Amino acid sequence: MSIKEITSSPTYNPNRVLDAIIEKLQLKNDAALSRALEVAPPVISKIRHNTLPIGATILIRMHEISDFSIRELREMMAN
């Protein structure tokens, strides 16, 4: 399934992924998540508000810091 197929899906919800990573890493908020992912805070905000899809680079970085598999991360987004 491509990113376009996922983001156009009515079940696409990137907040589940962001919240799961925050919980797993015991981070305080989105600002701490942005530092962990090494992205600017507005990137997290745009992902949360569905104006920016989770791209391959961020998905790989999420995998690296959280030890969730890519498949797990994609399933969290699409469920």
PDB file of N, CA and C in Angstrom:
ATOM      1  N   MET A   1       0.853  -1.181   0.000  1.00  0.00           N
ATOM      2  CA  MET A   1       0.000   0.000   0.000  1.00  0.00           C
ATOM      3  C   MET A   1       0.893   1.237   0.000  1.00  0.00           C
ATOM      4  N   SER A   2       0.614   2.168  -0.892  1.00  0.00           N
ATOM      5  CA  SER A   2       1.431   3.375  -0.995  1.00  0.00           C
ATOM      6  C   SER A   2       1.007   4.411   0.033  1.00  0.00           C
ATOM      7  N   ILE A   3       1.857   5.432   0.227  1.00  0.00           N
ATOM      8  CA  ILE A   3       1.536   6.513   1.159  1.00  0.00           C
ATOM      9  C   ILE A   3       0.242   7.211   0.742  1.00  0.00           C
ATOM     10  N   LYS A   4       0.062   7.451  -0.565  1.00  0.00           N
ATOM     11  CA  LYS A   4      -1.166   8.103  -1.035  1.00  0.00           C
ATOM     12  C   LYS A   4      -2.389   7.266  -0.713  1.00  0.00           C
ATOM     13  N   GLU A   5      -2.281   5.944  -0.862  1.00  0.00           N
ATOM     14  CA  GLU A   5      -3.404   5.071  -0.537  1.00  0.00           C
ATOM     15  C   GLU A   5      -3.708   5.118   0.958  1.00  0.00           C
ATOM     16  N   ILE A   6      -2.669   5.168   1.775  1.00  0.00           N
ATOM     17  CA  ILE A   6      -2.870   5.205   3.222  1.00  0.00           C
ATOM     18  C   ILE A   6      -3.499   6.525   3.641  1.00  0.00           C
ATOM     19  N   THR A   7      -2.941   7.660   3.171  1.00  0.00           N
ATOM     20  CA  THR A   7      -3.426   8.967   3.615  1.00  0.00           C
ATOM     21  C   THR A   7      -4.815   9.280   3.087  1.00  0.00           C
ATOM     22  N   SER A   8      -5.222   8.677   1.968  1.00  0.00           N
ATOM     23  CA  SER A   8      -6.571   8.924   1.461  1.00  0.00           C
ATOM     24  C   SER A   8      -7.590   7.984   2.100  1.00  0.00           C
ATOM     25  N   SER A   9      -7.126   7.016   2.830  1.00  0.00           N
ATOM     26  CA  SER A   9      -8.003   6.074   3.506  1.00  0.00           C
ATOM     27  C   SER A   9      -8.756   6.770   4.637  1.00  0.00           C
ATOM     28  N   PRO A  10     -10.041   6.461   4.792  1.00  0.00           N
ATOM     29  CA  PRO A  10     -10.791   7.085   5.883  1.00  0.00           C
ATOM     30  C   PRO A  10     -10.307   6.644   7.266  1.00  0.00           C
ATOM     31  N   THR A  11      -9.542   5.553   7.319  1.00  0.00           N
ATOM     32  CA  THR A  11      -9.051   5.076   8.615  1.00  0.00           C
ATOM     33  C   THR A  11      -7.648   5.586   8.941  1.00  0.00           C
ATOM     34  N   TYR A  12      -7.026   6.356   8.023  1.00  0.00           N
ATOM     35  CA  TYR A  12      -5.670   6.869   8.260  1.00  0.00           C
ATOM     36  C   TYR A  12      -5.680   7.819   9.435  1.00  0.00           C
ATOM     37  N   ASN A  13      -4.857   7.510  10.431  1.00  0.00           N
ATOM     38  CA  ASN A  13      -4.757   8.369  11.605  1.00  0.00           C
ATOM     39  C   ASN A  13      -3.319   8.342  12.108  1.00  0.00           C
ATOM     40  N   PRO A  14      -2.515   9.339  11.735  1.00  0.00           N
ATOM     41  CA  PRO A  14      -1.115   9.354  12.159  1.00  0.00           C
ATOM     42  C   PRO A  14      -0.944   9.585  13.661  1.00  0.00           C
ATOM     43  N   ASN A  15      -1.984  10.072  14.324  1.00  0.00           N
ATOM     44  CA  ASN A  15      -1.875  10.337  15.763  1.00  0.00           C
ATOM     45  C   ASN A  15      -1.607   9.066  16.557  1.00  0.00           C
ATOM     46  N   ARG A  16      -2.130   7.945  16.089  1.00  0.00           N
ATOM     47  CA  ARG A  16      -1.882   6.673  16.790  1.00  0.00           C
ATOM     48  C   ARG A  16      -0.396   6.350  16.823  1.00  0.00           C
ATOM     49  N   VAL A  17       0.284   6.576  15.711  1.00  0.00           N
ATOM     50  CA  VAL A  17       1.723   6.299  15.641  1.00  0.00           C
ATOM     51  C   VAL A  17       2.486   7.252  16.550  1.00  0.00           C
ATOM     52  N   LEU A  18       2.170   8.527  16.442  1.00  0.00           N
ATOM     53  CA  LEU A  18       2.873   9.525  17.260  1.00  0.00           C
ATOM     54  C   LEU A  18       2.669   9.250  18.747  1.00  0.00           C
ATOM     55  N   ASP A  19       1.427   8.961  19.118  1.00  0.00           N
ATOM     56  CA  ASP A  19       1.131   8.689  20.531  1.00  0.00           C
ATOM     57  C   ASP A  19       1.815   7.410  21.021  1.00  0.00           C
ATOM     58  N   ALA A  20       1.869   6.395  20.177  1.00  0.00           N
ATOM     59  CA  ALA A  20       2.513   5.130  20.559  1.00  0.00           C
ATOM     60  C   ALA A  20       4.013   5.332  20.788  1.00  0.00           C
ATOM     61  N   ILE A  21       4.643   6.135  19.948  1.00  0.00           N
ATOM     62  CA  ILE A  21       6.082   6.390  20.113  1.00  0.00           C
ATOM     63  C   ILE A  21       6.326   7.222  21.364  1.00  0.00           C
ATOM     64  N   ILE A  22       5.488   8.230  21.588  1.00  0.00           N
ATOM     65  CA  ILE A  22       5.622   9.046  22.806  1.00  0.00           C
ATOM     66  C   ILE A  22       5.506   8.161  24.036  1.00  0.00           C
ATOM     67  N   GLU A  23       4.525   7.251  24.016  1.00  0.00           N
ATOM     68  CA  GLU A  23       4.330   6.362  25.164  1.00  0.00           C
ATOM     69  C   GLU A  23       5.502   5.397  25.332  1.00  0.00           C
ATOM     70  N   LYS A  24       5.943   4.793  24.241  1.00  0.00           N
ATOM     71  CA  LYS A  24       7.027   3.809  24.328  1.00  0.00           C
ATOM     72  C   LYS A  24       8.326   4.432  24.819  1.00  0.00           C
ATOM     73  N   LEU A  25       8.620   5.652  24.346  1.00  0.00           N
ATOM     74  CA  LEU A  25       9.860   6.318  24.746  1.00  0.00           C
ATOM     75  C   LEU A  25       9.699   7.154  26.014  1.00  0.00           C
ATOM     76  N   GLN A  26       8.479   7.168  26.549  1.00  0.00           N
ATOM     77  CA  GLN A  26       8.158   7.932  27.755  1.00  0.00           C
ATOM     78  C   GLN A  26       8.531   9.409  27.600  1.00  0.00           C
ATOM     79  N   LEU A  27       8.119   9.961  26.458  1.00  0.00           N
ATOM     80  CA  LEU A  27       8.374  11.369  26.186  1.00  0.00           C
ATOM     81  C   LEU A  27       7.242  12.202  26.773  1.00  0.00           C
ATOM     82  N   LYS A  28       7.536  13.463  27.002  1.00  0.00           N
ATOM     83  CA  LYS A  28       6.567  14.335  27.663  1.00  0.00           C
ATOM     84  C   LYS A  28       5.512  14.884  26.702  1.00  0.00           C
ATOM     85  N   ASN A  29       5.925  15.207  25.476  1.00  0.00           N
ATOM     86  CA  ASN A  29       5.002  15.855  24.544  1.00  0.00           C
ATOM     87  C   ASN A  29       5.551  15.801  23.118  1.00  0.00           C
ATOM     88  N   ASP A  30       4.861  16.490  22.214  1.00  0.00           N
ATOM     89  CA  ASP A  30       5.273  16.506  20.809  1.00  0.00           C
ATOM     90  C   ASP A  30       6.619  17.189  20.601  1.00  0.00           C
ATOM     91  N   ALA A  31       6.930  18.185  21.431  1.00  0.00           N
ATOM     92  CA  ALA A  31       8.227  18.859  21.305  1.00  0.00           C
ATOM     93  C   ALA A  31       9.363  17.875  21.582  1.00  0.00           C
ATOM     94  N   ALA A  32       9.186  17.048  22.601  1.00  0.00           N
ATOM     95  CA  ALA A  32      10.198  16.028  22.915  1.00  0.00           C
ATOM     96  C   ALA A  32      10.276  14.996  21.783  1.00  0.00           C
ATOM     97  N   LEU A  33       9.139  14.672  21.206  1.00  0.00           N
ATOM     98  CA  LEU A  33       9.119  13.742  20.076  1.00  0.00           C
ATOM     99  C   LEU A  33       9.863  14.330  18.886  1.00  0.00           C
ATOM    100  N   SER A  34       9.657  15.600  18.622  1.00  0.00           N
ATOM    101  CA  SER A  34      10.351  16.227  17.489  1.00  0.00           C
ATOM    102  C   SER A  34      11.862  16.209  17.693  1.00  0.00           C
ATOM    103  N   ARG A  35      12.301  16.400  18.932  1.00  0.00           N
ATOM    104  CA  ARG A  35      13.743  16.329  19.214  1.00  0.00           C
ATOM    105  C   ARG A  35      14.250  14.900  19.020  1.00  0.00           C
ATOM    106  N   ALA A  36      13.484  13.918  19.461  1.00  0.00           N
ATOM    107  CA  ALA A  36      13.897  12.517  19.314  1.00  0.00           C
ATOM    108  C   ALA A  36      13.969  12.119  17.833  1.00  0.00           C
ATOM    109  N   LEU A  37      13.027  12.629  17.050  1.00  0.00           N
ATOM    110  CA  LEU A  37      13.011  12.310  15.617  1.00  0.00           C
ATOM    111  C   LEU A  37      13.937  13.204  14.803  1.00  0.00           C
ATOM    112  N   GLU A  38      14.465  14.233  15.459  1.00  0.00           N
ATOM    113  CA  GLU A  38      15.350  15.199  14.815  1.00  0.00           C
ATOM    114  C   GLU A  38      14.653  15.915  13.656  1.00  0.00           C
ATOM    115  N   VAL A  39      13.423  16.358  13.920  1.00  0.00           N
ATOM    116  CA  VAL A  39      12.668  17.173  12.968  1.00  0.00           C
ATOM    117  C   VAL A  39      12.179  18.418  13.697  1.00  0.00           C
ATOM    118  N   ALA A  40      11.825  19.435  12.934  1.00  0.00           N
ATOM    119  CA  ALA A  40      11.305  20.663  13.522  1.00  0.00           C
ATOM    120  C   ALA A  40       9.912  20.404  14.110  1.00  0.00           C
ATOM    121  N   PRO A  41       9.579  21.050  15.225  1.00  0.00           N
ATOM    122  CA  PRO A  41       8.250  20.855  15.834  1.00  0.00           C
ATOM    123  C   PRO A  41       7.074  21.058  14.873  1.00  0.00           C
ATOM    124  N   PRO A  42       7.138  22.019  13.933  1.00  0.00           N
ATOM    125  CA  PRO A  42       5.996  22.151  13.013  1.00  0.00           C
ATOM    126  C   PRO A  42       5.745  20.906  12.157  1.00  0.00           C
ATOM    127  N   VAL A  43       6.759  20.100  11.935  1.00  0.00           N
ATOM    128  CA  VAL A  43       6.575  18.868  11.163  1.00  0.00           C
ATOM    129  C   VAL A  43       5.629  17.936  11.913  1.00  0.00           C
ATOM    130  N   ILE A  44       5.832  17.782  13.211  1.00  0.00           N
ATOM    131  CA  ILE A  44       4.954  16.928  14.020  1.00  0.00           C
ATOM    132  C   ILE A  44       3.540  17.495  14.008  1.00  0.00           C
ATOM    133  N   SER A  45       3.417  18.800  14.146  1.00  0.00           N
ATOM    134  CA  SER A  45       2.103  19.446  14.129  1.00  0.00           C
ATOM    135  C   SER A  45       1.385  19.207  12.812  1.00  0.00           C
ATOM    136  N   LYS A  46       2.095  19.331  11.712  1.00  0.00           N
ATOM    137  CA  LYS A  46       1.490  19.113  10.395  1.00  0.00           C
ATOM    138  C   LYS A  46       1.066  17.659  10.215  1.00  0.00           C
ATOM    139  N   ILE A  47       1.859  16.735  10.739  1.00  0.00           N
ATOM    140  CA  ILE A  47       1.489  15.319  10.672  1.00  0.00           C
ATOM    141  C   ILE A  47       0.236  15.083  11.508  1.00  0.00           C
ATOM    142  N   ARG A  48       0.194  15.640  12.707  1.00  0.00           N
ATOM    143  CA  ARG A  48      -0.977  15.480  13.591  1.00  0.00           C
ATOM    144  C   ARG A  48      -2.251  16.031  12.972  1.00  0.00           C
ATOM    145  N   HIS A  49      -2.130  17.126  12.234  1.00  0.00           N
ATOM    146  CA  HIS A  49      -3.309  17.768  11.653  1.00  0.00           C
ATOM    147  C   HIS A  49      -3.596  17.296  10.229  1.00  0.00           C
ATOM    148  N   ASN A  50      -2.930  16.211   9.836  1.00  0.00           N
ATOM    149  CA  ASN A  50      -3.166  15.578   8.525  1.00  0.00           C
ATOM    150  C   ASN A  50      -2.877  16.486   7.337  1.00  0.00           C
ATOM    151  N   THR A  51      -1.974  17.438   7.494  1.00  0.00           N
ATOM    152  CA  THR A  51      -1.589  18.263   6.353  1.00  0.00           C
ATOM    153  C   THR A  51      -0.267  17.798   5.754  1.00  0.00           C
ATOM    154  N   LEU A  52       0.425  16.898   6.443  1.00  0.00           N
ATOM    155  CA  LEU A  52       1.676  16.328   5.949  1.00  0.00           C
ATOM    156  C   LEU A  52       1.654  14.832   6.234  1.00  0.00           C
ATOM    157  N   PRO A  53       1.803  14.000   5.204  1.00  0.00           N
ATOM    158  CA  PRO A  53       1.823  12.562   5.463  1.00  0.00           C
ATOM    159  C   PRO A  53       3.146  12.149   6.100  1.00  0.00           C
ATOM    160  N   ILE A  54       3.131  11.021   6.754  1.00  0.00           N
ATOM    161  CA  ILE A  54       4.366  10.469   7.302  1.00  0.00           C
ATOM    162  C   ILE A  54       5.136   9.888   6.124  1.00  0.00           C
ATOM    163  N   GLY A  55       6.221  10.537   5.764  1.00  0.00           N
ATOM    164  CA  GLY A  55       7.029  10.102   4.632  1.00  0.00           C
ATOM    165  C   GLY A  55       8.003   9.009   5.019  1.00  0.00           C
ATOM    166  N   ALA A  56       8.688   8.506   4.027  1.00  0.00           N
ATOM    167  CA  ALA A  56       9.617   7.391   4.220  1.00  0.00           C
ATOM    168  C   ALA A  56      10.733   7.739   5.195  1.00  0.00           C
ATOM    169  N   THR A  57      11.277   8.939   5.089  1.00  0.00           N
ATOM    170  CA  THR A  57      12.394   9.326   5.957  1.00  0.00           C
ATOM    171  C   THR A  57      11.973   9.349   7.423  1.00  0.00           C
ATOM    172  N   ILE A  58      10.829   9.946   7.691  1.00  0.00           N
ATOM    173  CA  ILE A  58      10.346  10.014   9.082  1.00  0.00           C
ATOM    174  C   ILE A  58       9.947   8.623   9.562  1.00  0.00           C
ATOM    175  N   LEU A  59       9.341   7.833   8.689  1.00  0.00           N
ATOM    176  CA  LEU A  59       8.954   6.475   9.059  1.00  0.00           C
ATOM    177  C   LEU A  59      10.178   5.654   9.457  1.00  0.00           C
ATOM    178  N   ILE A  60      11.240   5.774   8.705  1.00  0.00           N
ATOM    179  CA  ILE A  60      12.476   5.047   9.035  1.00  0.00           C
ATOM    180  C   ILE A  60      13.041   5.552  10.356  1.00  0.00           C
ATOM    181  N   ARG A  61      13.024   6.857  10.554  1.00  0.00           N
ATOM    182  CA  ARG A  61      13.528   7.428  11.817  1.00  0.00           C
ATOM    183  C   ARG A  61      12.675   6.953  12.991  1.00  0.00           C
ATOM    184  N   MET A  62      11.364   6.878  12.801  1.00  0.00           N
ATOM    185  CA  MET A  62      10.477   6.359  13.858  1.00  0.00           C
ATOM    186  C   MET A  62      10.852   4.924  14.202  1.00  0.00           C
ATOM    187  N   HIS A  63      11.119   4.142  13.174  1.00  0.00           N
ATOM    188  CA  HIS A  63      11.538   2.750  13.374  1.00  0.00           C
ATOM    189  C   HIS A  63      12.848   2.692  14.163  1.00  0.00           C
ATOM    190  N   GLU A  64      13.798   3.537  13.801  1.00  0.00           N
ATOM    191  CA  GLU A  64      15.112   3.524  14.457  1.00  0.00           C
ATOM    192  C   GLU A  64      15.032   3.869  15.932  1.00  0.00           C
ATOM    193  N   ILE A  65      14.224   4.852  16.283  1.00  0.00           N
ATOM    194  CA  ILE A  65      14.206   5.281  17.692  1.00  0.00           C
ATOM    195  C   ILE A  65      13.258   4.465  18.560  1.00  0.00           C
ATOM    196  N   SER A  66      12.260   3.833  17.939  1.00  0.00           N
ATOM    197  CA  SER A  66      11.241   3.148  18.743  1.00  0.00           C
ATOM    198  C   SER A  66      11.368   1.635  18.752  1.00  0.00           C
ATOM    199  N   ASP A  67      12.073   1.077  17.802  1.00  0.00           N
ATOM    200  CA  ASP A  67      12.161  -0.370  17.610  1.00  0.00           C
ATOM    201  C   ASP A  67      10.837  -1.005  17.204  1.00  0.00           C
ATOM    202  N   PHE A  68       9.823  -0.178  16.841  1.00  0.00           N
ATOM    203  CA  PHE A  68       8.644  -0.725  16.179  1.00  0.00           C
ATOM    204  C   PHE A  68       9.089  -1.093  14.772  1.00  0.00           C
ATOM    205  N   SER A  69       8.567  -2.186  14.241  1.00  0.00           N
ATOM    206  CA  SER A  69       8.900  -2.524  12.858  1.00  0.00           C
ATOM    207  C   SER A  69       8.178  -1.553  11.925  1.00  0.00           C
ATOM    208  N   ILE A  70       8.665  -1.455  10.701  1.00  0.00           N
ATOM    209  CA  ILE A  70       8.009  -0.611   9.705  1.00  0.00           C
ATOM    210  C   ILE A  70       6.572  -1.088   9.517  1.00  0.00           C
ATOM    211  N   ARG A  71       6.389  -2.380   9.467  1.00  0.00           N
ATOM    212  CA  ARG A  71       5.035  -2.946   9.314  1.00  0.00           C
ATOM    213  C   ARG A  71       4.128  -2.521  10.471  1.00  0.00           C
ATOM    214  N   GLU A  72       4.644  -2.583  11.707  1.00  0.00           N
ATOM    215  CA  GLU A  72       3.840  -2.169  12.865  1.00  0.00           C
ATOM    216  C   GLU A  72       3.453  -0.701  12.765  1.00  0.00           C
ATOM    217  N   LEU A  73       4.414   0.145  12.379  1.00  0.00           N
ATOM    218  CA  LEU A  73       4.138   1.571  12.248  1.00  0.00           C
ATOM    219  C   LEU A  73       3.082   1.826  11.183  1.00  0.00           C
ATOM    220  N   ARG A  74       3.195   1.162  10.044  1.00  0.00           N
ATOM    221  CA  ARG A  74       2.217   1.338   8.973  1.00  0.00           C
ATOM    222  C   ARG A  74       0.841   0.845   9.383  1.00  0.00           C
ATOM    223  N   GLU A  75       0.796  -0.266  10.114  1.00  0.00           N
ATOM    224  CA  GLU A  75      -0.494  -0.786  10.590  1.00  0.00           C
ATOM    225  C   GLU A  75      -1.135   0.175  11.584  1.00  0.00           C
ATOM    226  N   MET A  76      -0.324   0.781  12.453  1.00  0.00           N
ATOM    227  CA  MET A  76      -0.861   1.766  13.400  1.00  0.00           C
ATOM    228  C   MET A  76      -1.483   2.952  12.661  1.00  0.00           C
ATOM    229  N   MET A  77      -0.857   3.363  11.576  1.00  0.00           N
ATOM    230  CA  MET A  77      -1.369   4.503  10.797  1.00  0.00           C
ATOM    231  C   MET A  77      -2.693   4.165  10.134  1.00  0.00           C
ATOM    232  N   ALA A  78      -2.834   2.933   9.673  1.00  0.00           N
ATOM    233  CA  ALA A  78      -3.973   2.567   8.833  1.00  0.00           C
ATOM    234  C   ALA A  78      -5.150   1.975   9.591  1.00  0.00           C
ATOM    235  N   ASN A  79      -5.001   1.696  10.852  1.00  0.00           N
ATOM    236  CA  ASN A  79      -6.103   1.088  11.606  1.00  0.00           C
ATOM    237  C   ASN A  79      -6.914   2.106  12.336  1.00  0.00           C
TER     238      ASN A  79
END
